[in-house]
Protein backbone atom coordinates (compact mmCIF):
# COMPACT_ATOMS: atom_id res chain seq x y z
CA MET A 1 65.32 -29.51 -15.70
CA ASN A 2 65.73 -26.41 -13.56
CA GLU A 3 63.69 -25.32 -10.55
CA ARG A 4 61.45 -22.98 -12.59
CA GLU A 5 60.55 -25.76 -15.03
CA LYS A 6 59.80 -28.11 -12.13
CA ARG A 7 57.56 -25.49 -10.54
CA ILE A 8 55.72 -24.94 -13.83
CA MET A 9 55.04 -28.67 -14.06
CA GLU A 10 53.85 -28.78 -10.44
CA LEU A 11 51.52 -25.84 -11.01
CA GLU A 12 50.08 -27.38 -14.17
CA GLU A 13 49.40 -30.62 -12.28
CA GLN A 14 47.79 -28.78 -9.35
CA ILE A 15 45.60 -26.73 -11.69
CA ALA A 16 44.47 -29.84 -13.58
CA ASP A 17 43.70 -31.65 -10.32
CA LEU A 18 41.76 -28.71 -8.92
CA LYS A 19 39.74 -28.34 -12.13
CA LYS A 20 38.84 -32.05 -11.97
CA ARG A 21 37.56 -31.61 -8.42
CA LEU A 22 35.45 -28.52 -9.13
CA PRO A 23 31.77 -29.35 -8.74
CA ALA A 24 29.43 -28.40 -11.57
CA HIS A 25 27.42 -26.24 -9.16
CA SER A 26 28.04 -24.45 -5.89
CA VAL A 27 31.77 -23.97 -6.31
CA LYS A 28 33.32 -22.76 -3.08
CA PRO A 29 34.97 -19.33 -3.30
CA ALA A 30 38.14 -20.76 -1.75
CA MET A 31 38.52 -23.21 -4.65
CA ILE A 32 38.10 -20.44 -7.22
CA SER A 33 40.57 -18.26 -5.35
CA ARG A 34 43.15 -21.07 -5.18
CA LEU A 35 42.73 -21.80 -8.89
CA GLU A 36 43.27 -18.14 -9.74
CA GLU A 37 46.39 -18.00 -7.55
CA LEU A 38 47.88 -21.06 -9.22
CA GLU A 39 47.09 -19.79 -12.71
CA GLU A 40 48.60 -16.37 -11.95
CA GLU A 41 51.81 -17.90 -10.60
CA LEU A 42 52.02 -20.19 -13.63
CA GLU A 43 51.55 -17.24 -15.97
CA ARG A 44 54.30 -15.25 -14.20
CA LEU A 45 56.72 -18.17 -14.47
CA LYS A 46 55.96 -18.74 -18.15
CA ASP A 47 56.39 -15.03 -18.91
CA LYS A 48 59.98 -15.22 -17.62
CA GLU A 49 60.97 -17.64 -20.39
């Protein structure tokens, strides 16, 4: 497994964990922002395949 694949796995785990912790209401903007950052990085890495 190369570094890119490891990073993809890490990002997927972080995204899943963050989504589990999102409250049903009153989501903090920082959490949404972090989720978007992680998803964008994941998308960029997957596009390089």
